N, C-alpha and C. Protein backbone atom coordinates (compact mmCIF):
# COMPACT_ATOMS: atom_id res chain seq x y z
N MET A 1 120.39 50.16 249.36
CA MET A 1 121.05 49.46 250.49
C MET A 1 119.93 49.36 251.48
N GLU A 2 119.79 48.04 251.92
CA GLU A 2 118.76 47.66 252.96
C GLU A 2 119.36 47.83 254.37
N LEU A 3 119.01 48.69 255.12
CA LEU A 3 119.61 48.87 256.52
C LEU A 3 118.61 48.34 257.48
N VAL A 4 117.40 48.47 257.29
CA VAL A 4 116.36 48.07 258.20
C VAL A 4 115.79 46.65 258.00
N TYR A 5 115.29 46.23 256.87
CA TYR A 5 114.68 44.99 256.62
C TYR A 5 115.57 43.81 257.10
N PRO A 6 116.79 43.64 256.70
CA PRO A 6 117.46 42.44 257.13
C PRO A 6 117.59 42.16 258.66
N PRO A 7 117.86 43.22 259.43
CA PRO A 7 117.85 42.99 260.83
C PRO A 7 116.32 42.74 261.48
N VAL A 8 115.42 43.23 260.90
CA VAL A 8 114.02 42.87 261.22
C VAL A 8 113.79 41.31 260.99
N VAL A 9 114.21 40.90 259.67
CA VAL A 9 113.99 39.54 259.40
C VAL A 9 114.75 38.55 260.29
N ALA A 10 116.12 38.96 260.68
CA ALA A 10 116.79 38.18 261.57
C ALA A 10 116.28 38.13 262.80
N PHE A 11 115.64 39.25 263.51
CA PHE A 11 114.93 39.18 264.60
C PHE A 11 113.84 38.32 264.75
N ALA A 12 113.00 38.45 263.58
CA ALA A 12 111.77 37.52 263.50
C ALA A 12 112.12 36.18 263.57
N LYS A 13 113.20 35.75 262.82
CA LYS A 13 113.68 34.37 262.75
C LYS A 13 114.16 33.79 264.09
N THR A 14 114.86 34.74 264.84
CA THR A 14 115.22 34.39 266.23
C THR A 14 114.07 34.15 267.04
N MET A 15 113.04 34.97 267.00
CA MET A 15 111.97 34.64 267.84
C MET A 15 111.12 33.39 267.42
N PHE A 16 111.15 33.16 266.08
CA PHE A 16 110.46 31.78 265.69
C PHE A 16 111.39 30.64 266.33
N ARG A 17 112.63 30.72 266.47
CA ARG A 17 113.39 29.67 267.09
C ARG A 17 113.26 29.69 268.51
N VAL A 18 113.04 30.74 269.31
CA VAL A 18 112.79 30.80 270.61
C VAL A 18 111.50 30.16 271.04
N LEU A 19 110.46 30.60 270.24
CA LEU A 19 109.25 30.01 270.47
C LEU A 19 109.06 28.54 269.85
N ASP A 20 109.92 28.14 269.19
CA ASP A 20 109.90 26.82 268.59
C ASP A 20 108.61 26.65 267.69
N LEU A 21 108.39 27.62 266.90
CA LEU A 21 107.25 27.48 265.89
C LEU A 21 107.66 26.46 264.79
N LYS A 22 106.64 25.63 264.65
CA LYS A 22 106.78 24.57 263.46
C LYS A 22 106.36 25.21 262.20
N ILE A 23 107.36 25.87 261.59
CA ILE A 23 107.05 26.56 260.21
C ILE A 23 107.41 25.69 259.08
N GLU A 24 106.33 25.44 258.23
CA GLU A 24 106.65 24.70 256.99
C GLU A 24 106.16 25.61 255.63
N ILE A 25 107.19 25.60 254.88
CA ILE A 25 107.00 26.38 253.58
C ILE A 25 106.88 25.45 252.32
N GLU A 26 105.77 25.50 251.72
CA GLU A 26 105.58 24.71 250.40
C GLU A 26 105.45 25.47 249.34
N GLY A 27 106.20 25.17 248.18
CA GLY A 27 105.92 26.05 246.92
C GLY A 27 106.77 27.25 246.83
N ALA A 28 107.91 27.24 247.72
CA ALA A 28 108.79 28.52 247.55
C ALA A 28 109.51 28.61 246.26
N GLU A 29 109.52 27.55 245.54
CA GLU A 29 109.99 27.59 244.01
C GLU A 29 109.19 28.50 243.22
N ASN A 30 107.93 28.81 243.49
CA ASN A 30 107.11 29.62 242.79
C ASN A 30 107.35 31.13 242.90
N ILE A 31 108.25 31.45 243.91
CA ILE A 31 108.58 32.89 244.07
C ILE A 31 109.79 33.12 243.09
N PRO A 32 109.65 34.07 242.16
CA PRO A 32 110.68 34.42 241.19
C PRO A 32 111.96 34.97 241.90
N ARG A 33 113.17 34.56 241.55
CA ARG A 33 114.30 35.15 242.19
C ARG A 33 114.66 36.47 241.80
N GLU A 34 114.13 36.91 240.67
CA GLU A 34 114.26 38.36 240.29
C GLU A 34 113.14 39.00 239.50
N GLY A 35 113.12 40.13 239.47
CA GLY A 35 111.80 40.82 238.77
C GLY A 35 110.64 40.97 239.67
N GLY A 36 109.92 41.76 239.16
CA GLY A 36 108.50 42.12 239.92
C GLY A 36 107.55 41.02 239.98
N ALA A 37 106.86 40.95 241.03
CA ALA A 37 105.69 40.00 241.24
C ALA A 37 104.66 40.44 242.20
N VAL A 38 103.45 40.19 242.18
CA VAL A 38 102.42 40.56 243.17
C VAL A 38 102.10 39.17 243.93
N LEU A 39 102.37 39.26 245.38
CA LEU A 39 102.14 38.12 246.17
C LEU A 39 100.75 38.44 246.86
N ALA A 40 99.71 37.47 246.50
CA ALA A 40 98.41 37.73 247.11
C ALA A 40 98.17 36.63 248.03
N SER A 41 97.92 37.00 249.39
CA SER A 41 97.61 36.09 250.40
C SER A 41 96.32 36.26 251.04
N ASN A 42 95.68 35.12 251.64
CA ASN A 42 94.65 35.20 252.46
C ASN A 42 95.05 35.97 253.74
N HIS A 43 94.02 36.25 254.56
CA HIS A 43 94.27 37.10 255.76
C HIS A 43 93.50 36.53 256.94
N VAL A 44 94.19 35.90 257.90
CA VAL A 44 93.71 35.30 259.08
C VAL A 44 94.10 35.94 260.41
N SER A 45 95.30 36.91 260.35
CA SER A 45 95.78 37.24 261.53
C SER A 45 96.51 38.51 261.38
N TYR A 46 96.81 39.26 262.65
CA TYR A 46 97.60 40.50 262.43
C TYR A 46 99.10 40.18 262.00
N LEU A 47 99.61 38.95 262.15
CA LEU A 47 101.01 38.55 261.95
C LEU A 47 101.13 37.87 260.45
N ASP A 48 100.18 37.96 259.59
CA ASP A 48 100.25 37.33 258.25
C ASP A 48 101.42 37.81 257.47
N PHE A 49 101.71 39.15 257.60
CA PHE A 49 102.70 39.78 256.78
C PHE A 49 103.98 39.27 257.05
N ILE A 50 104.28 38.81 258.33
CA ILE A 50 105.56 38.26 258.76
C ILE A 50 105.76 37.03 258.13
N PHE A 51 104.83 36.15 258.09
CA PHE A 51 105.04 34.84 257.57
C PHE A 51 104.99 34.87 256.08
N CYS A 52 104.13 35.83 255.40
CA CYS A 52 104.24 35.84 254.06
C CYS A 52 105.55 36.20 253.45
N GLY A 53 106.15 37.07 254.29
CA GLY A 53 107.66 37.65 253.92
C GLY A 53 108.61 36.39 254.13
N LEU A 54 108.23 35.57 255.10
CA LEU A 54 109.09 34.44 255.40
C LEU A 54 109.14 33.46 254.13
N GLY A 55 107.85 33.36 253.57
CA GLY A 55 107.76 32.51 252.43
C GLY A 55 108.65 32.98 251.18
N ALA A 56 108.94 34.27 251.20
CA ALA A 56 109.92 34.52 250.16
C ALA A 56 111.26 34.52 250.41
N GLN A 57 111.60 34.17 251.68
CA GLN A 57 113.10 34.08 252.05
C GLN A 57 113.94 33.04 251.31
N PRO A 58 113.40 31.87 250.92
CA PRO A 58 114.11 30.86 250.27
C PRO A 58 114.48 31.46 248.83
N ALA A 59 113.82 32.35 248.29
CA ALA A 59 114.19 33.02 247.07
C ALA A 59 115.08 34.17 247.18
N LYS A 60 115.40 34.50 248.48
CA LYS A 60 116.20 35.66 248.80
C LYS A 60 115.54 36.95 248.42
N ARG A 61 114.24 37.07 248.60
CA ARG A 61 113.39 38.21 248.26
C ARG A 61 112.96 38.90 249.41
N LEU A 62 112.81 40.10 249.35
CA LEU A 62 112.06 40.94 250.39
C LEU A 62 110.81 41.44 249.81
N VAL A 63 109.73 41.37 250.55
CA VAL A 63 108.37 41.73 250.15
C VAL A 63 107.94 43.04 250.64
N ARG A 64 107.54 43.94 249.90
CA ARG A 64 107.16 45.24 250.09
C ARG A 64 105.58 45.23 250.21
N PHE A 65 105.07 45.23 251.54
CA PHE A 65 103.69 45.06 251.66
C PHE A 65 102.80 46.32 251.59
N MET A 66 101.68 46.27 251.04
CA MET A 66 100.86 47.34 251.18
C MET A 66 99.85 47.23 252.34
N ALA A 67 99.96 48.43 253.22
CA ALA A 67 99.30 48.40 254.56
C ALA A 67 98.76 49.62 254.78
N LYS A 68 97.60 49.66 255.70
CA LYS A 68 96.88 50.92 255.83
C LYS A 68 97.80 52.03 256.40
N LYS A 69 97.47 53.12 256.08
CA LYS A 69 98.21 54.36 256.47
C LYS A 69 98.48 54.61 257.96
N SER A 70 97.40 54.27 258.76
CA SER A 70 97.52 54.32 260.10
C SER A 70 98.76 53.63 260.73
N VAL A 71 99.20 52.50 260.14
CA VAL A 71 100.44 51.72 260.59
C VAL A 71 101.64 52.62 260.42
N PHE A 72 101.65 53.51 259.24
CA PHE A 72 102.86 54.26 259.16
C PHE A 72 102.84 55.58 259.86
N ASP A 73 101.74 55.89 260.37
CA ASP A 73 101.44 57.08 261.31
C ASP A 73 101.95 56.71 262.69
N HIS A 74 101.97 55.52 263.22
CA HIS A 74 102.33 55.12 264.55
C HIS A 74 103.77 55.33 264.85
N LYS A 75 104.08 55.92 265.97
CA LYS A 75 105.41 56.37 266.29
C LYS A 75 106.52 55.29 266.44
N ILE A 76 106.04 54.00 266.55
CA ILE A 76 107.00 52.80 266.65
C ILE A 76 107.01 52.14 265.23
N SER A 77 105.83 51.71 264.90
CA SER A 77 105.77 51.03 263.56
C SER A 77 106.09 51.77 262.39
N GLY A 78 105.81 53.12 262.40
CA GLY A 78 105.79 53.93 261.22
C GLY A 78 107.28 53.95 260.60
N PRO A 79 108.49 54.33 261.56
CA PRO A 79 109.75 54.23 261.05
C PRO A 79 110.16 52.94 260.61
N LEU A 80 109.69 51.80 261.12
CA LEU A 80 110.04 50.52 260.59
C LEU A 80 109.51 50.13 259.25
N MET A 81 108.17 50.53 259.13
CA MET A 81 107.38 50.27 257.91
C MET A 81 108.22 51.16 256.73
N ARG A 82 108.55 52.41 257.02
CA ARG A 82 108.99 53.10 256.03
C ARG A 82 110.55 52.61 255.65
N GLY A 83 111.28 52.32 256.81
CA GLY A 83 112.60 51.75 256.49
C GLY A 83 112.60 50.48 255.76
N MET A 84 111.57 49.64 255.83
CA MET A 84 111.40 48.49 255.02
C MET A 84 110.82 48.69 253.68
N ARG A 85 110.61 49.92 253.42
CA ARG A 85 109.86 50.45 251.95
C ARG A 85 108.62 49.69 251.79
N HIS A 86 107.81 49.65 252.73
CA HIS A 86 106.43 49.02 252.58
C HIS A 86 105.67 50.22 252.10
N ILE A 87 104.46 49.94 251.58
CA ILE A 87 103.60 50.97 250.75
C ILE A 87 102.45 51.30 251.55
N PRO A 88 102.22 52.48 251.83
CA PRO A 88 101.11 53.04 252.68
C PRO A 88 99.86 53.12 251.83
N VAL A 89 98.68 52.65 252.22
CA VAL A 89 97.37 52.62 251.49
C VAL A 89 96.48 53.60 252.46
N ASP A 90 96.20 54.68 251.54
CA ASP A 90 95.24 55.70 252.02
C ASP A 90 93.93 55.55 251.51
N ARG A 91 92.81 55.13 251.99
CA ARG A 91 91.66 54.64 251.28
C ARG A 91 91.03 55.97 250.73
N ASP A 92 91.43 57.24 251.22
CA ASP A 92 90.95 58.57 250.57
C ASP A 92 91.67 58.91 249.35
N ALA A 93 92.84 58.20 249.15
CA ALA A 93 93.70 58.52 248.09
C ALA A 93 94.38 57.23 247.44
N GLY A 94 93.35 56.32 247.04
CA GLY A 94 93.89 55.17 246.67
C GLY A 94 94.59 54.98 245.37
N ALA A 95 94.31 56.06 244.35
CA ALA A 95 95.13 56.16 243.14
C ALA A 95 96.71 56.29 243.38
N ALA A 96 97.07 57.09 244.51
CA ALA A 96 98.41 57.35 244.84
C ALA A 96 98.98 56.06 245.33
N SER A 97 98.32 55.21 246.05
CA SER A 97 98.85 53.90 246.52
C SER A 97 99.04 52.94 245.44
N PHE A 98 98.13 52.97 244.57
CA PHE A 98 98.20 52.11 243.28
C PHE A 98 99.45 52.45 242.54
N ARG A 99 99.65 53.69 242.23
CA ARG A 99 100.89 54.15 241.48
C ARG A 99 102.30 53.77 242.21
N ALA A 100 102.22 53.96 243.56
CA ALA A 100 103.42 53.64 244.32
C ALA A 100 103.62 52.27 244.21
N ALA A 101 102.76 51.44 244.35
CA ALA A 101 102.79 49.86 244.03
C ALA A 101 103.22 49.47 242.85
N ASN A 102 102.64 50.16 241.68
CA ASN A 102 102.97 49.77 240.36
C ASN A 102 104.39 50.17 240.04
N GLU A 103 104.91 51.44 240.57
CA GLU A 103 106.26 51.77 240.49
C GLU A 103 107.22 50.79 241.12
N ALA A 104 106.92 50.31 242.28
CA ALA A 104 107.76 49.27 242.98
C ALA A 104 107.88 47.97 242.02
N LEU A 105 106.66 47.52 241.47
CA LEU A 105 106.79 46.37 240.65
C LEU A 105 107.63 46.50 239.43
N ARG A 106 107.43 47.70 238.77
CA ARG A 106 108.37 47.94 237.61
C ARG A 106 109.81 48.18 237.89
N GLU A 107 110.11 48.46 239.11
CA GLU A 107 111.44 48.30 239.63
C GLU A 107 112.02 47.02 240.05
N GLY A 108 111.16 46.03 239.82
CA GLY A 108 111.41 44.70 240.15
C GLY A 108 111.26 44.14 241.61
N GLU A 109 110.55 44.92 242.31
CA GLU A 109 110.24 44.55 243.65
C GLU A 109 108.89 43.52 243.79
N ILE A 110 108.90 42.66 244.84
CA ILE A 110 107.80 41.96 245.04
C ILE A 110 106.84 42.77 246.01
N VAL A 111 105.68 42.88 245.64
CA VAL A 111 104.60 43.65 246.39
C VAL A 111 103.60 42.65 246.97
N GLY A 112 103.43 42.69 248.34
CA GLY A 112 102.53 41.83 248.99
C GLY A 112 101.16 42.55 249.21
N VAL A 113 100.10 41.77 248.96
CA VAL A 113 98.80 42.34 249.01
C VAL A 113 97.94 41.33 249.64
N PHE A 114 96.95 41.87 250.65
CA PHE A 114 95.86 40.97 251.19
C PHE A 114 94.52 41.38 250.50
N PRO A 115 94.29 40.73 249.56
CA PRO A 115 93.09 41.15 248.53
C PRO A 115 91.64 41.07 249.45
N GLU A 116 91.71 40.43 250.45
CA GLU A 116 90.49 40.40 251.24
C GLU A 116 90.26 41.69 252.04
N ALA A 117 91.34 42.44 252.21
CA ALA A 117 91.43 43.94 252.77
C ALA A 117 91.47 43.82 254.34
N THR A 118 90.56 42.95 254.89
CA THR A 118 90.67 42.88 256.22
C THR A 118 90.56 41.33 256.73
N ILE A 119 90.84 41.06 258.07
CA ILE A 119 90.99 39.73 258.49
C ILE A 119 89.61 38.90 258.39
N SER A 120 89.76 37.70 257.92
CA SER A 120 88.57 36.89 257.68
C SER A 120 88.31 36.24 259.14
N GLU A 121 87.17 36.59 259.76
CA GLU A 121 86.86 36.00 261.10
C GLU A 121 86.33 34.62 260.91
N SER A 122 85.86 34.11 259.69
CA SER A 122 85.43 32.94 259.48
C SER A 122 86.53 31.93 259.25
N PHE A 123 87.75 32.55 258.97
CA PHE A 123 88.97 31.64 258.65
C PHE A 123 88.76 30.84 257.11
N THR A 124 87.87 31.54 256.36
CA THR A 124 87.69 31.17 254.93
C THR A 124 88.07 32.37 254.22
N VAL A 125 88.19 32.15 252.93
CA VAL A 125 88.58 33.31 252.02
C VAL A 125 87.38 34.04 251.69
N LYS A 126 87.44 35.38 252.04
CA LYS A 126 86.20 36.38 251.77
C LYS A 126 86.17 36.81 250.39
N GLU A 127 85.27 37.64 250.00
CA GLU A 127 85.18 38.05 248.71
C GLU A 127 86.39 38.98 248.55
N LEU A 128 87.06 38.95 247.51
CA LEU A 128 88.41 39.81 247.23
C LEU A 128 88.12 41.08 246.57
N LYS A 129 88.97 42.10 246.85
CA LYS A 129 89.02 43.32 246.03
C LYS A 129 89.86 42.96 244.76
N SER A 130 89.83 43.71 243.66
CA SER A 130 90.24 43.46 242.44
C SER A 130 91.76 43.98 242.35
N GLY A 131 92.16 44.78 243.37
CA GLY A 131 93.56 45.46 243.22
C GLY A 131 94.65 44.67 242.83
N ALA A 132 94.69 43.39 243.45
CA ALA A 132 95.92 42.53 243.07
C ALA A 132 96.07 42.19 241.63
N VAL A 133 94.85 41.93 241.17
CA VAL A 133 94.77 41.63 239.65
C VAL A 133 95.05 42.77 238.86
N ARG A 134 94.56 43.89 239.25
CA ARG A 134 94.77 45.10 238.38
C ARG A 134 96.29 45.42 238.43
N LEU A 135 96.87 45.41 239.61
CA LEU A 135 98.40 45.71 239.87
C LEU A 135 99.20 44.84 238.96
N ALA A 136 98.97 43.46 239.06
CA ALA A 136 99.79 42.48 238.16
C ALA A 136 99.58 42.76 236.76
N ARG A 137 98.43 43.05 236.19
CA ARG A 137 98.29 43.26 234.93
C ARG A 137 98.74 44.57 234.44
N SER A 138 98.69 45.61 235.33
CA SER A 138 99.13 46.88 234.85
C SER A 138 100.52 46.90 234.73
N ALA A 139 101.38 46.21 235.77
CA ALA A 139 102.94 46.28 235.70
C ALA A 139 103.38 45.08 234.93
N LYS A 140 102.64 44.14 234.45
CA LYS A 140 102.86 43.02 233.49
C LYS A 140 103.77 42.19 234.27
N VAL A 141 103.41 41.74 235.54
CA VAL A 141 104.24 40.79 236.53
C VAL A 141 103.30 39.63 236.86
N PRO A 142 103.96 38.52 237.34
CA PRO A 142 103.17 37.38 237.77
C PRO A 142 102.43 37.76 239.03
N LEU A 143 101.22 37.30 239.18
CA LEU A 143 100.36 37.19 240.38
C LEU A 143 100.43 35.86 241.09
N ILE A 144 101.06 35.81 242.19
CA ILE A 144 101.41 34.56 242.85
C ILE A 144 100.38 34.44 244.12
N PRO A 145 99.51 33.29 244.21
CA PRO A 145 98.73 33.19 245.29
C PRO A 145 99.41 32.42 246.62
N MET A 146 99.20 32.85 247.74
CA MET A 146 99.68 32.26 248.77
C MET A 146 98.68 31.99 250.05
N ALA A 147 98.83 31.05 250.58
CA ALA A 147 97.83 30.90 251.96
C ALA A 147 98.72 30.63 253.18
N VAL A 148 98.38 31.28 254.26
CA VAL A 148 99.05 31.01 255.52
C VAL A 148 97.84 30.50 256.56
N TRP A 149 98.39 29.55 257.35
CA TRP A 149 97.43 28.97 258.49
C TRP A 149 98.13 28.65 259.66
N GLY A 150 97.76 29.22 260.69
CA GLY A 150 98.31 28.95 261.99
C GLY A 150 98.64 30.24 262.75
N PRO A 151 99.07 31.34 262.17
CA PRO A 151 99.38 32.64 262.97
C PRO A 151 98.16 33.25 263.69
N HIS A 152 96.99 33.02 263.36
CA HIS A 152 95.74 33.26 264.04
C HIS A 152 95.65 32.74 265.48
N ARG A 153 96.28 31.69 265.63
CA ARG A 153 96.40 31.13 266.96
C ARG A 153 97.28 31.97 267.95
N LEU A 154 98.04 32.83 267.39
CA LEU A 154 98.94 33.87 268.17
C LEU A 154 98.21 35.16 268.44
N TRP A 155 97.69 35.69 267.23
CA TRP A 155 97.00 37.01 267.28
C TRP A 155 95.96 37.26 266.15
N THR A 156 94.70 37.31 266.57
CA THR A 156 93.72 37.55 265.50
C THR A 156 92.60 38.45 265.88
N LYS A 157 91.77 38.90 265.21
CA LYS A 157 90.67 39.71 265.54
C LYS A 157 89.73 39.02 266.51
N ASN A 158 89.39 39.80 267.55
CA ASN A 158 88.52 39.47 268.61
C ASN A 158 88.85 38.19 269.42
N HIS A 159 90.06 37.89 269.46
CA HIS A 159 90.46 36.70 270.34
C HIS A 159 91.75 37.28 271.08
N LYS A 160 92.16 36.61 272.22
CA LYS A 160 93.18 37.01 273.09
C LYS A 160 94.52 36.85 272.40
N LYS A 161 95.38 37.83 272.52
CA LYS A 161 96.75 37.88 271.93
C LYS A 161 97.57 36.95 272.69
N GLU A 162 98.30 35.86 271.99
CA GLU A 162 99.19 35.12 272.70
C GLU A 162 100.54 35.05 271.92
N LEU A 163 101.19 36.03 271.98
CA LEU A 163 102.43 36.14 271.14
C LEU A 163 103.64 35.39 271.61
N THR A 164 103.44 34.73 272.97
CA THR A 164 104.66 33.92 273.44
C THR A 164 104.13 32.61 273.59
N LYS A 165 103.16 32.15 272.93
CA LYS A 165 102.57 30.70 272.83
C LYS A 165 103.66 29.83 272.06
N ARG A 166 104.01 28.77 272.60
CA ARG A 166 105.27 28.26 271.90
C ARG A 166 104.63 26.89 271.17
N HIS A 167 105.53 26.40 270.28
CA HIS A 167 105.32 25.21 269.44
C HIS A 167 104.15 25.19 268.49
N VAL A 168 103.66 26.38 268.08
CA VAL A 168 102.44 26.49 267.21
C VAL A 168 102.95 26.18 265.70
N PRO A 169 102.24 25.17 265.19
CA PRO A 169 102.62 24.86 263.75
C PRO A 169 102.03 26.16 262.76
N VAL A 170 102.87 26.50 261.89
CA VAL A 170 102.54 27.52 260.86
C VAL A 170 102.73 26.97 259.35
N LEU A 171 101.78 26.98 258.57
CA LEU A 171 101.89 26.31 257.32
C LEU A 171 101.88 27.42 256.24
N ILE A 172 102.78 27.50 255.32
CA ILE A 172 102.73 28.59 254.30
C ILE A 172 102.80 27.77 253.01
N LYS A 173 101.70 27.94 252.10
CA LYS A 173 101.66 27.33 250.92
C LYS A 173 101.69 28.38 249.84
N ILE A 174 102.44 28.22 248.78
CA ILE A 174 102.62 29.24 247.63
C ILE A 174 102.42 28.43 246.41
N GLY A 175 101.28 29.00 245.56
CA GLY A 175 101.00 28.34 244.43
C GLY A 175 101.63 29.00 243.25
N GLN A 176 101.43 28.36 242.00
CA GLN A 176 102.01 28.85 240.92
C GLN A 176 101.23 30.09 240.36
N ALA A 177 101.99 30.96 239.65
CA ALA A 177 101.42 32.21 239.27
C ALA A 177 100.00 31.95 238.50
N LEU A 178 99.10 32.81 238.75
CA LEU A 178 97.89 32.74 238.05
C LEU A 178 97.90 33.09 236.63
N GLU A 179 97.29 32.25 235.84
CA GLU A 179 97.26 32.62 234.33
C GLU A 179 96.27 33.80 234.19
N MET A 180 96.73 34.76 233.28
CA MET A 180 95.76 35.95 233.06
C MET A 180 95.64 36.07 231.70
N PRO A 181 94.87 35.37 230.98
CA PRO A 181 94.73 35.57 229.50
C PRO A 181 94.25 36.92 229.15
N LYS A 182 94.76 37.42 227.98
CA LYS A 182 94.24 38.70 227.40
C LYS A 182 92.75 38.66 227.28
N GLY A 183 91.97 39.74 227.55
CA GLY A 183 90.71 39.74 227.31
C GLY A 183 89.83 39.30 228.50
N THR A 184 90.54 38.66 229.51
CA THR A 184 89.61 38.23 230.71
C THR A 184 89.53 39.51 231.65
N SER A 185 88.42 39.63 232.06
CA SER A 185 87.87 40.72 232.78
C SER A 185 88.62 40.70 234.28
N PRO A 186 88.95 41.87 234.93
CA PRO A 186 89.42 41.74 236.32
C PRO A 186 88.49 41.07 237.32
N ASP A 187 87.27 41.11 237.07
CA ASP A 187 86.29 40.45 238.05
C ASP A 187 86.49 38.87 237.82
N ALA A 188 86.69 38.46 236.56
CA ALA A 188 86.71 37.01 236.16
C ALA A 188 88.06 36.45 236.90
N LEU A 189 89.13 37.30 236.61
CA LEU A 189 90.52 36.83 237.30
C LEU A 189 90.53 36.91 238.87
N THR A 190 89.71 37.88 239.36
CA THR A 190 89.79 37.95 240.81
C THR A 190 88.90 36.77 241.35
N ALA A 191 87.95 36.32 240.63
CA ALA A 191 87.15 35.11 241.11
C ALA A 191 88.13 34.04 241.02
N ALA A 192 88.94 33.82 239.89
CA ALA A 192 89.88 32.80 239.88
C ALA A 192 90.94 32.73 240.89
N LEU A 193 91.38 33.97 241.27
CA LEU A 193 92.29 34.17 242.43
C LEU A 193 91.79 33.61 243.71
N LYS A 194 90.39 33.97 243.99
CA LYS A 194 89.77 33.58 245.16
C LYS A 194 89.71 32.03 245.11
N GLU A 195 89.36 31.40 244.03
CA GLU A 195 89.46 29.90 244.04
C GLU A 195 90.72 29.28 244.34
N ARG A 196 91.74 29.95 243.65
CA ARG A 196 93.20 29.43 244.01
C ARG A 196 93.58 29.52 245.53
N LEU A 197 93.11 30.72 245.99
CA LEU A 197 93.48 31.02 247.44
C LEU A 197 92.64 29.94 248.30
N SER A 198 91.50 29.82 248.07
CA SER A 198 90.62 28.94 248.85
C SER A 198 91.23 27.41 248.84
N GLY A 199 91.66 27.07 247.57
CA GLY A 199 92.28 25.80 247.38
C GLY A 199 93.49 25.56 248.44
N LEU A 200 94.43 26.45 248.31
CA LEU A 200 95.56 26.53 248.91
C LEU A 200 95.30 26.59 250.61
N LEU A 201 94.34 27.35 251.02
CA LEU A 201 94.07 27.51 252.40
C LEU A 201 93.38 26.08 252.94
N ASP A 202 92.33 25.41 252.04
CA ASP A 202 91.82 24.21 252.45
C ASP A 202 92.79 23.13 252.61
N ALA A 203 93.97 23.16 251.65
CA ALA A 203 94.93 22.16 251.86
C ALA A 203 95.80 22.41 253.10
N ALA A 204 96.08 23.68 253.31
CA ALA A 204 96.80 23.92 254.74
C ALA A 204 96.07 23.43 255.90
N GLN A 205 94.76 23.82 255.94
CA GLN A 205 93.80 23.40 256.98
C GLN A 205 93.78 21.95 257.28
N ARG A 206 93.65 21.21 256.17
CA ARG A 206 93.55 19.84 256.43
C ARG A 206 94.89 19.08 256.58
N ALA A 207 96.03 19.79 256.23
CA ALA A 207 97.42 19.12 256.59
C ALA A 207 97.87 19.64 257.80
N TYR A 208 97.05 20.56 258.56
CA TYR A 208 97.63 21.03 259.74
C TYR A 208 97.78 19.91 260.77
N PRO A 209 98.96 19.85 261.54
CA PRO A 209 99.35 18.73 262.20
C PRO A 209 98.58 18.76 263.78
N GLU A 210 97.91 19.75 264.06
CA GLU A 210 97.22 19.95 265.43
C GLU A 210 95.85 19.99 265.26
N LYS A 211 95.19 19.39 266.35
CA LYS A 211 93.85 19.74 266.44
C LYS A 211 93.43 20.33 267.75
N PRO A 212 92.18 21.02 267.98
CA PRO A 212 92.02 21.59 269.15
C PRO A 212 92.01 20.68 270.31
N SER A 213 92.53 21.28 271.49
CA SER A 213 92.67 20.42 272.67
C SER A 213 91.36 20.13 273.51
N GLY A 214 90.38 20.83 273.13
CA GLY A 214 89.08 20.46 273.64
C GLY A 214 87.92 21.44 273.02
N PRO A 215 86.72 21.30 273.59
CA PRO A 215 85.73 22.08 273.11
C PRO A 215 85.93 23.44 272.96
N ASP A 216 86.60 24.03 274.20
CA ASP A 216 86.87 25.42 274.21
C ASP A 216 87.98 26.00 273.30
N ASP A 217 88.63 25.08 272.69
CA ASP A 217 89.67 25.39 271.76
C ASP A 217 89.45 25.27 270.44
N ARG A 218 88.20 25.05 270.00
CA ARG A 218 87.73 24.85 268.60
C ARG A 218 87.56 26.11 267.97
N TRP A 219 87.83 27.31 268.58
CA TRP A 219 87.54 28.63 267.97
C TRP A 219 88.32 28.90 266.75
N TRP A 220 89.48 28.30 266.57
CA TRP A 220 90.57 28.55 265.58
C TRP A 220 90.21 27.82 264.27
N LEU A 221 89.28 26.93 264.34
CA LEU A 221 88.92 26.13 263.19
C LEU A 221 87.65 26.76 262.47
N PRO A 222 87.48 26.76 261.11
CA PRO A 222 86.46 27.24 260.57
C PRO A 222 85.18 26.19 260.72
N ALA A 223 84.05 26.73 260.65
CA ALA A 223 82.79 25.91 260.93
C ALA A 223 82.81 24.63 260.07
N HIS A 224 83.16 24.74 258.89
CA HIS A 224 82.92 23.52 258.01
C HIS A 224 84.01 22.41 258.33
N LEU A 225 85.00 22.75 259.30
CA LEU A 225 85.87 21.65 259.70
C LEU A 225 85.55 21.30 261.16
N GLY A 226 84.45 21.66 261.67
CA GLY A 226 84.08 21.43 262.94
C GLY A 226 84.44 22.32 264.09
N GLY A 227 84.80 23.61 263.71
CA GLY A 227 85.29 24.69 264.60
C GLY A 227 84.05 25.68 264.84
N THR A 228 84.31 26.47 265.72
CA THR A 228 83.32 27.46 266.21
C THR A 228 83.33 28.82 265.64
N ALA A 229 84.47 29.11 264.63
CA ALA A 229 84.38 30.25 264.01
C ALA A 229 83.11 30.56 263.30
N PRO A 230 82.64 31.87 263.20
CA PRO A 230 81.40 32.01 262.58
C PRO A 230 81.36 31.77 261.08
N LEU A 231 80.22 31.43 260.58
CA LEU A 231 80.04 31.04 259.12
C LEU A 231 80.31 32.41 258.38
N PRO A 232 80.89 32.25 257.15
CA PRO A 232 81.23 33.36 256.26
C PRO A 232 80.09 34.45 256.22
N GLN A 233 78.86 34.00 256.15
CA GLN A 233 77.65 34.96 255.99
C GLN A 233 77.69 35.87 257.25
N ALA A 234 77.77 35.09 258.45
CA ALA A 234 77.65 35.81 259.75
C ALA A 234 78.88 36.70 260.15
N ALA A 235 80.06 36.21 259.62
CA ALA A 235 81.24 37.08 259.98
C ALA A 235 81.31 38.30 258.98
N ALA A 236 80.59 38.13 257.73
CA ALA A 236 80.58 39.41 256.77
C ALA A 236 79.64 40.40 257.48
N VAL A 237 78.54 40.04 258.11
CA VAL A 237 77.68 40.96 258.88
C VAL A 237 78.40 41.67 260.04
């Protein structure tokens, strides 16, 4: 029985309405209505998990996200994370985290993963860890790519937090499950996942209905679209 997650979702939706966020979800039909699945998203903001979870709402699914252990140790976020049955990731005990996620998938849950591991400051898709692919293959569940674009204008790394900013468009694009032929290596599948995520993110960026308001507002666009975000190589350093 879910006692914590539904009220949190309801609160988030209320805040979206209050702030009049312009949220568009495309590809929601690719989220299975039952059974396990790995949902793999790009990572541009500290709020991505909220909007990734929103993308699964049309299918009436709740996403159990893998998140760093420190979030679970916090006196405020910890009880909420545990109540929503998210999965802590301890980098010193990665096997335990993998087993917990695998068990959730076999029990029919959707597990959310950010395979870039950390926020991309270039606002492009960074090199991916192979955990999402290995999880989906181990549990024999679909691996579904997703891209979010827009939440970074509210709160991202090395920029001012603006959680009360109104009317911000947020685009959520969900792709079809990645094909994972037998015999294909995890590295090759991870490269294919990166290509799919990059395609979804590029489509979201080009469809985004707003442009920077002036030269000082170009920080939220990647360099290849005329923004002042650092190039991928510089961001990686």
